[in-house]
Protein backbone atom coordinates (compact mmCIF):
# COMPACT_ATOMS: atom_id res chain seq x y z
CA MET A 1 -12.15 10.79 -0.62
CA LEU A 2 -14.61 7.90 -1.05
CA LEU A 3 -11.74 5.50 -1.69
CA GLY A 4 -10.13 6.55 1.60
CA LEU A 5 -13.48 6.08 3.34
CA GLY A 6 -13.66 2.51 2.04
CA VAL A 7 -10.10 1.74 3.15
CA GLY A 8 -10.79 2.99 6.65
CA TRP A 9 -14.12 1.18 6.87
CA GLY A 10 -12.42 -2.11 6.03
CA ALA A 11 -9.75 -1.52 8.65
CA GLY A 12 -12.23 -0.77 11.44
CA ASN A 13 -15.19 -3.08 10.86
CA VAL A 14 -13.86 -6.19 12.63
CA GLY A 15 -13.12 -4.55 15.99
CA PRO A 16 -16.74 -3.97 17.11
CA VAL A 17 -17.71 -7.61 16.43
CA ALA A 18 -14.53 -9.25 17.78
CA ILE A 19 -16.27 -10.73 20.81
CA SER A 20 -19.28 -11.86 18.75
CA LEU A 21 -16.95 -13.65 16.33
CA THR A 22 -15.32 -15.54 19.22
CA HIS A 23 -18.79 -16.78 20.22
CA SER A 24 -20.01 -17.54 16.69
CA PHE A 25 -16.97 -19.58 15.65
CA GLY A 26 -15.61 -20.77 19.02
CA VAL A 27 -12.24 -19.01 18.62
CA SER A 28 -10.08 -16.80 20.86
CA LEU A 29 -9.43 -13.06 20.57
CA ALA A 30 -5.96 -13.90 19.26
CA ALA A 31 -7.62 -15.88 16.44
CA VAL A 32 -9.85 -12.90 15.64
CA GLY A 33 -6.62 -10.91 15.50
CA LEU A 34 -5.67 -13.08 12.54
CA LEU A 35 -8.66 -11.56 10.72
CA SER A 36 -8.13 -7.93 11.64
CA GLY A 37 -4.34 -8.20 11.60
CA THR A 38 -2.42 -11.07 10.04
CA ALA A 39 -4.58 -12.03 7.04
CA TYR A 40 -5.60 -8.47 6.20
CA PHE A 41 -2.22 -6.78 6.48
CA ALA A 42 -0.28 -9.65 4.91
CA ALA A 43 -2.41 -9.09 1.82
CA VAL A 44 -1.90 -5.32 2.07
CA ALA A 45 1.88 -5.82 2.24
CA VAL A 46 1.90 -8.09 -0.81
CA ALA A 47 -0.39 -5.85 -2.87
CA THR A 48 1.28 -2.51 -2.08
CA PRO A 49 4.37 -2.98 -4.32
CA LEU A 50 2.13 -4.15 -7.18
CA VAL A 51 0.30 -0.84 -7.49
CA VAL A 52 3.25 0.96 -9.10
CA PRO A 53 3.50 -1.30 -12.19
CA LEU A 54 -0.30 -1.48 -12.29
CA ALA A 55 -0.65 2.32 -12.31
CA ALA A 56 2.16 2.64 -14.85
CA ARG A 57 0.37 0.25 -17.21
CA ALA A 58 -3.31 1.04 -16.66
CA GLY A 59 -3.25 4.53 -15.14
CA VAL A 60 -3.93 5.83 -11.65
CA VAL A 61 -7.72 6.03 -12.15
CA SER A 62 -7.91 2.40 -13.30
CA ALA A 63 -5.72 1.30 -10.39
CA THR A 64 -8.08 3.13 -8.04
CA ALA A 65 -11.14 1.43 -9.56
CA ILE A 66 -9.52 -2.00 -9.26
CA ALA A 67 -8.72 -1.31 -5.59
CA ALA A 68 -12.34 -0.40 -4.82
CA GLY A 69 -13.70 -3.42 -6.69
CA VAL A 70 -11.41 -5.86 -4.89
CA MET A 71 -12.38 -4.47 -1.47
CA LEU A 72 -16.07 -4.70 -2.43
CA ALA A 73 -15.72 -8.38 -3.36
CA GLY A 74 -13.90 -9.19 -0.12
CA HIS A 75 -16.58 -7.65 2.10
CA ILE A 76 -19.33 -9.57 0.29
CA LEU A 77 -17.42 -12.82 0.79
CA PHE A 78 -16.99 -12.05 4.52
CA ALA A 79 -20.70 -11.31 4.94
CA VAL A 80 -21.84 -14.63 3.44
CA SER A 81 -19.10 -16.98 4.66
CA PRO A 82 -20.33 -19.84 6.90
CA ALA A 83 -16.86 -20.85 8.16
CA PHE A 84 -13.94 -19.11 9.86
CA ALA A 85 -11.63 -20.14 7.01
CA GLY A 86 -13.89 -18.21 4.64
CA LEU A 87 -13.52 -15.13 6.82
CA LEU A 88 -9.74 -15.43 6.57
CA ALA A 89 -9.94 -15.67 2.77
CA ALA A 90 -12.27 -12.68 2.64
CA ARG A 91 -9.91 -10.53 4.71
CA ILE A 92 -7.06 -11.42 2.36
CA VAL A 93 -9.13 -10.13 -0.56
CA VAL A 94 -10.05 -6.92 1.28
CA GLY A 95 -6.43 -6.38 2.28
CA ALA A 96 -5.26 -6.75 -1.31
CA GLY A 97 -7.62 -3.99 -2.41
CA ALA A 98 -6.58 -1.76 0.48
CA GLY A 99 -2.91 -2.23 -0.40
CA LEU A 100 -3.58 -0.91 -3.90
CA ALA A 101 -5.69 1.97 -2.59
CA LEU A 102 -3.14 3.16 -0.02
CA VAL A 103 -0.70 4.08 -2.80
CA ALA A 104 -2.99 4.94 -5.73
CA GLY A 105 -5.18 7.15 -3.54
CA PRO A 106 -2.45 9.50 -2.22
CA VAL A 107 -0.85 9.78 -5.68
CA MET A 108 -4.16 10.86 -7.21
CA ALA A 109 -4.93 13.16 -4.26
CA ARG A 110 -1.62 15.00 -4.51
CA GLU A 111 -1.99 15.43 -8.26
CA LEU A 112 -5.51 16.85 -7.92
CA GLY A 113 -5.16 19.03 -4.84
CA GLY A 114 -1.67 18.98 -3.34
CA MET A 115 -1.17 18.97 0.42
CA ARG A 116 -4.76 19.94 1.19
CA LEU A 117 -6.29 17.01 -0.68
CA LEU A 118 -3.65 14.69 0.79
CA GLY A 119 -4.90 15.69 4.21
CA LEU A 120 -8.51 15.15 3.14
CA PHE A 121 -7.69 11.69 1.79
CA GLY A 122 -6.02 10.76 5.07
CA GLY A 123 -8.97 12.21 6.92
CA ALA A 124 -11.34 10.08 4.87
CA ILE A 125 -9.46 6.94 5.94
CA THR A 126 -9.81 7.80 9.61
CA LEU A 127 -13.43 8.83 9.09
CA GLY A 128 -14.08 5.37 7.66
CA ILE A 129 -12.47 3.77 10.71
CA ALA A 130 -14.48 6.04 13.01
CA VAL A 131 -17.86 5.34 11.42
CA ALA A 132 -17.15 1.61 11.11
CA LEU A 133 -16.28 1.42 14.81
CA GLY A 134 -19.18 3.60 15.92
CA LEU A 135 -21.87 2.11 13.70
CA GLY A 136 -20.59 -1.44 14.19
CA SER A 137 -20.71 -1.04 17.97
CA ALA A 138 -24.22 0.43 17.80
CA LEU A 139 -25.40 -2.50 15.68
CA GLU A 140 -23.73 -4.89 18.11
CA ASP A 141 -25.41 -3.22 21.08
CA ALA A 142 -28.77 -3.43 19.29
CA GLY A 143 -28.38 -7.18 18.78
CA ALA A 144 -27.96 -7.10 14.98
CA SER A 145 -26.05 -9.88 13.25
CA TRP A 146 -22.37 -9.17 12.76
CA ARG A 147 -22.89 -9.86 9.04
CA VAL A 148 -24.91 -6.66 8.62
CA GLY A 149 -21.84 -4.50 9.11
CA PHE A 150 -19.99 -6.20 6.28
CA VAL A 151 -22.87 -5.75 3.85
CA ILE A 152 -22.66 -2.04 4.67
CA SER A 153 -18.88 -2.18 4.17
CA ALA A 154 -19.38 -3.57 0.66
CA ALA A 155 -21.79 -0.75 -0.18
CA VAL A 156 -19.27 1.86 0.99
CA CYS A 157 -16.54 0.38 -1.22
CA ALA A 158 -18.86 0.52 -4.22
CA LEU A 159 -19.23 4.31 -3.94
CA PRO A 160 -15.88 5.28 -5.56
CA LEU A 161 -16.79 3.25 -8.65
CA LEU A 162 -19.76 5.57 -9.23
CA VAL A 163 -17.81 8.84 -9.24
CA LEU A 164 -14.32 8.13 -10.61
CA PRO A 165 -13.49 10.14 -13.75
CA PRO A 166 -12.81 8.14 -16.95
CA ARG A 167 -9.34 9.68 -17.21
CA LEU A 168 -7.09 12.16 -15.46
CA ALA A 169 -4.29 14.39 -16.75
CA THR A 170 -1.43 13.37 -14.49
CA ARG A 171 2.25 12.70 -14.50
CA PRO A 172 3.38 9.28 -15.69
CA VAL A 173 3.99 6.73 -12.94
CA PRO A 174 7.49 5.34 -13.54
CA VAL A 175 8.22 1.71 -12.70
CA PRO A 176 11.14 1.77 -10.24
CA GLU A 177 14.29 -0.07 -11.20
CA ARG A 178 16.09 -2.37 -8.80
CA ALA A 179 18.94 0.11 -8.61
CA PHE A 180 16.52 2.77 -7.29
CA VAL A 181 15.09 0.45 -4.63
CA ALA A 182 18.57 -0.59 -3.51
CA ALA A 183 19.75 3.02 -3.32
CA ALA A 184 16.61 4.10 -1.49
CA LEU A 185 17.02 1.39 1.13
CA ARG A 186 20.52 2.73 1.86
CA THR A 187 19.14 6.20 2.59
CA GLY A 188 18.79 7.02 6.26
CA MET A 189 15.95 9.48 5.69
CA LEU A 190 13.84 6.72 4.10
CA TRP A 191 14.14 4.68 7.30
CA ARG A 192 13.27 7.70 9.43
CA LEU A 193 10.16 8.31 7.37
CA GLY A 194 9.39 4.58 7.45
CA ALA A 195 9.43 4.67 11.25
CA MET A 196 7.12 7.69 11.18
CA PHE A 197 4.71 5.89 8.85
CA LEU A 198 4.72 3.00 11.34
CA ALA A 199 3.80 5.33 14.19
CA VAL A 200 1.25 7.48 12.32
CA ASN A 201 -0.40 4.86 10.08
CA GLY A 202 0.42 1.54 11.76
CA VAL A 203 -0.20 2.11 15.46
CA PRO A 204 -3.72 3.59 14.98
CA LEU A 205 -4.67 0.47 13.03
CA VAL A 206 -3.59 -1.67 15.97
CA VAL A 207 -5.58 0.58 18.32
CA SER A 208 -8.65 0.42 16.07
CA ALA A 209 -8.59 -3.39 16.12
CA TRP A 210 -8.84 -3.64 19.90
CA LEU A 211 -10.06 -0.35 21.34
CA VAL A 212 -13.73 -1.36 21.61
CA ALA A 213 -12.96 -4.74 23.20
CA TYR A 214 -10.39 -3.13 25.56
CA LEU A 215 -12.81 -0.46 26.76
CA MET A 216 -15.56 -3.02 27.30
CA ARG A 217 -13.28 -5.25 29.39
CA GLU A 218 -11.12 -2.71 31.24
CA ALA A 219 -13.38 0.35 31.54
CA HIS A 220 -16.55 -1.81 31.81
CA VAL A 221 -18.60 0.24 29.35
CA ARG A 222 -21.28 -0.94 26.95
CA ALA A 223 -20.45 -1.66 23.33
CA ALA A 224 -22.25 1.48 22.15
CA VAL A 225 -20.26 3.69 24.56
CA ALA A 226 -16.98 2.04 23.59
CA GLY A 227 -17.85 2.49 19.93
CA GLY A 228 -18.74 6.11 20.57
CA LEU A 229 -15.32 6.74 22.11
CA ALA A 230 -13.66 5.02 19.17
CA PHE A 231 -15.70 7.22 16.84
CA VAL A 232 -14.50 10.33 18.71
CA LEU A 233 -10.87 9.20 18.38
CA PHE A 234 -10.91 8.62 14.64
CA GLY A 235 -13.49 11.31 13.94
CA LEU A 236 -11.20 13.86 15.59
CA THR A 237 -8.31 12.57 13.49
CA THR A 238 -10.49 13.08 10.42
CA LEU A 239 -11.06 16.73 11.33
CA VAL A 240 -7.47 17.53 12.28
CA ARG A 241 -5.62 15.89 9.36
CA PRO A 242 -6.69 18.40 6.67
CA LEU A 243 -6.34 21.32 9.11
CA ALA A 244 -2.86 20.43 10.34
CA PRO A 245 -0.89 22.03 7.44
CA ARG A 246 -2.50 25.37 8.33
CA LEU A 247 -1.36 25.19 11.95
CA ALA A 248 2.34 25.45 11.16
CA ARG A 249 4.08 26.79 8.08
CA GLY A 250 7.61 27.38 6.97
CA GLY A 251 10.81 25.57 7.83
CA ARG A 252 9.71 24.29 11.24
CA ALA A 253 6.33 22.92 10.16
CA PHE A 254 7.64 19.36 9.89
CA ILE A 255 9.18 19.41 13.36
CA THR A 256 6.15 21.08 14.95
CA LEU A 257 3.54 18.80 13.40
CA ALA A 258 5.46 15.52 13.20
CA ALA A 259 7.40 15.48 16.46
CA GLY A 260 4.77 17.38 18.44
CA GLY A 261 1.92 15.25 17.16
CA LEU A 262 3.64 11.96 17.92
CA LEU A 263 4.49 13.01 21.48
CA ILE A 264 0.86 14.02 22.04
CA ALA A 265 -0.30 10.64 20.68
CA ALA A 266 2.13 8.80 22.97
CA ALA A 267 0.69 10.67 25.96
CA GLY A 268 -2.80 9.58 24.90
CA LEU A 269 -1.74 5.92 24.78
CA VAL A 270 -0.33 6.18 28.29
CA VAL A 271 -3.57 7.75 29.57
CA LEU A 272 -5.55 4.98 27.86
CA ALA A 273 -3.41 2.34 29.57
CA ALA A 274 -3.98 3.98 32.97
CA SER A 275 -7.71 4.64 32.53
CA ARG A 276 -10.39 2.68 34.32
CA SER A 277 -13.38 4.91 33.58
CA ALA A 278 -15.09 6.37 30.55
CA ALA A 279 -14.27 9.92 31.70
CA VAL A 280 -10.51 9.31 31.62
CA CYS A 281 -10.85 7.49 28.31
CA VAL A 282 -12.29 10.66 26.78
CA LEU A 283 -9.01 12.47 27.53
CA ALA A 284 -7.06 9.57 26.03
CA VAL A 285 -9.01 9.54 22.78
CA VAL A 286 -8.73 13.33 22.38
CA LEU A 287 -4.96 13.19 22.78
CA MET A 288 -4.59 10.23 20.42
CA GLY A 289 -7.02 11.61 17.84
CA THR A 290 -5.15 14.92 17.69
CA GLY A 291 -1.64 13.50 17.95
CA PHE A 292 -1.93 10.87 15.24
CA ALA A 293 -3.50 13.41 12.85
CA LEU A 294 -0.99 16.27 13.02
CA PRO A 295 1.95 14.59 11.21
CA TYR A 296 0.04 12.99 8.31
CA ALA A 297 0.20 15.60 5.52
CA VAL A 298 3.79 16.75 6.16
CA MET A 299 4.88 13.11 6.48
CA VAL A 300 3.39 12.06 3.13
CA ASP A 301 4.65 15.21 1.44
CA ALA A 302 8.19 14.58 2.74
CA ALA A 303 8.08 11.00 1.44
CA GLU A 304 6.86 12.04 -2.01
CA ARG A 305 9.58 14.71 -2.26
CA LEU A 306 12.40 12.50 -1.04
CA PHE A 307 13.19 11.03 -4.48
CA PRO A 308 12.12 13.30 -7.38
CA GLY A 309 10.13 11.42 -10.01
CA GLN A 310 9.56 8.35 -7.81
CA ALA A 311 6.75 9.51 -5.51
CA ALA A 312 4.58 6.39 -5.91
CA ALA A 313 7.52 4.03 -5.43
CA THR A 314 8.68 5.89 -2.33
CA LEU A 315 5.20 5.77 -0.84
CA ALA A 316 5.06 2.04 -1.52
CA LEU A 317 8.36 1.56 0.32
CA VAL A 318 7.51 3.59 3.43
CA GLN A 319 3.97 2.21 3.61
CA THR A 320 5.30 -1.36 3.72
CA GLY A 321 6.11 -1.07 7.44
CA PRO A 322 2.60 -0.05 8.54
CA ASN A 323 1.24 -2.86 6.37
CA VAL A 324 3.54 -5.50 7.90
CA MET A 325 3.60 -4.49 11.57
CA PRO A 326 -0.08 -5.27 12.31
CA ILE A 327 0.40 -8.80 10.93
CA VAL A 328 2.30 -9.63 14.10
CA VAL A 329 1.28 -6.91 16.54
CA ILE A 330 -2.53 -7.16 16.35
CA PRO A 331 -2.66 -10.88 17.34
CA LEU A 332 -0.04 -10.25 20.04
CA VAL A 333 -2.08 -7.41 21.51
CA GLY A 334 -5.17 -9.63 21.36
CA SER A 335 -3.40 -12.33 23.36
CA VAL A 336 -2.29 -9.76 25.96
CA LEU A 337 -5.81 -8.32 26.24
CA GLY A 338 -7.04 -11.77 27.22
CA GLY A 339 -4.78 -11.75 30.31
CA PRO A 340 -4.22 -9.61 33.42
CA HIS A 341 -1.63 -7.26 31.87
CA ALA A 342 -3.74 -5.73 29.11
CA PRO A 343 -2.69 -2.06 29.76
CA TRP A 344 0.96 -2.88 29.10
CA ALA A 345 0.19 -3.43 25.43
CA PHE A 346 -0.64 0.27 25.09
CA VAL A 347 2.34 1.32 27.21
CA VAL A 348 4.70 -0.45 24.79
CA LEU A 349 2.99 1.21 21.82
CA ALA A 350 3.32 4.59 23.56
CA ALA A 351 7.07 4.07 24.07
CA PHE A 352 7.55 3.34 20.37
CA VAL A 353 5.50 6.37 19.25
CA ALA A 354 7.38 8.67 21.65
CA ALA A 355 10.75 7.40 20.39
CA VAL A 356 9.78 8.14 16.79
CA GLY A 357 8.59 11.57 17.86
CA LEU A 358 11.98 12.38 19.37
CA VAL A 359 13.77 11.20 16.23
CA SER A 360 11.49 13.47 14.18
CA LEU A 361 12.89 16.59 15.83
CA HIS A 362 15.23 16.86 12.82
CA ARG A 363 13.68 18.19 9.63
CA PRO A 364 14.05 16.07 6.44
CA PRO A 365 15.92 17.58 3.50
CA ALA A 366 13.80 19.48 1.00
CA GLY A 367 13.37 18.05 -2.48
CA LYS A 368 11.85 19.23 -5.73
CA PRO A 369 9.64 17.00 -7.88
CA ALA A 370 11.12 16.24 -11.28
CA PRO A 371 9.18 17.96 -14.07
CA HIS A 372 7.03 15.70 -16.23
CA PRO A 373 4.59 16.66 -18.98
CA PRO A 374 0.93 15.73 -18.30
CA VAL A 375 -0.29 12.56 -19.95
CA ALA A 376 -3.74 11.03 -20.21
CA ASP A 377 -4.46 8.53 -17.48
CA SER A 378 -5.44 5.83 -19.92
CA ALA A 379 -3.60 2.73 -21.04
CA ALA A 380 -4.89 3.16 -24.57
CA GLU A 381 -3.76 6.78 -24.89
CA ALA A 382 -0.43 6.02 -23.23
CA SER A 383 0.29 3.57 -26.01
């Protein structure tokens, strides 16, 4: 839970200070997009495949601790850096830690608590985004230095290190062979789930990077109000993610939650693009917050069951898309927001999310995890 909170906090803490960073360093919004998008998610994409061999060698708990420590170091570097190049380096460090956490966290969550804890872990990520956006905007509105938010971010990432257990009885994490990766990439269902991960995990990250700045420019609201709306969006997602598996059960749960949720989220993006007042934006954030949350648990569960015995490797594959997409999309959206056609950025995102929702009307095949005896989550005991 605390690890997910730290991941979300690191994904959402640049958005509220985007405009301040343009003033402090004399750069454009597109350049700030390099911080919240390109540098951060390039590091996430590189680090994500590394977590499987790391967890296989050191254990899932150790991989989780390393992820938290790396994110902590990156936020401290960002807070003290005097130059824009230092901010870029810091975001690379934070992204590397997040890439490790986005695979190690769900694996540990599913082992400890199944679908329910998976939903709670996903909810913790969105809660981190929500609080980072809300608190960051409040600090911005109060005139605090943008560096304060990143000191707080470092403190949040230190929390998991205080509560992680020394070891955990869990299944061994196998290192995937090249033959498995090649076979997986030829499986149509993997690509379907990859597209869903893009829509559910990737698009909200793009929205979180620019929502505050968009609302301030297009809806003409204060930073605190924009941050409050962003908090509602991701706070609602936090509440709905763990509840979603209870809303639909049985054979049609995947279709109901995945397809239905994505179509609701697409409607919210369209409303956001058309809104010019805070009142209409409230409807948009409610639709998006609910829609992006509903598919999460069934989506992750379907990915982990797709290839028995290779849950961590499958998650690493399908999470690659959401890690790579923001590298390009966040700076592009930032450049569009600086011009007269800002709403079209959200219309295009809505079209993509709706298309994935329609594709998700077909249920994925059921799979059964391969049985493995519990082993101690410790490199020493494994040897």
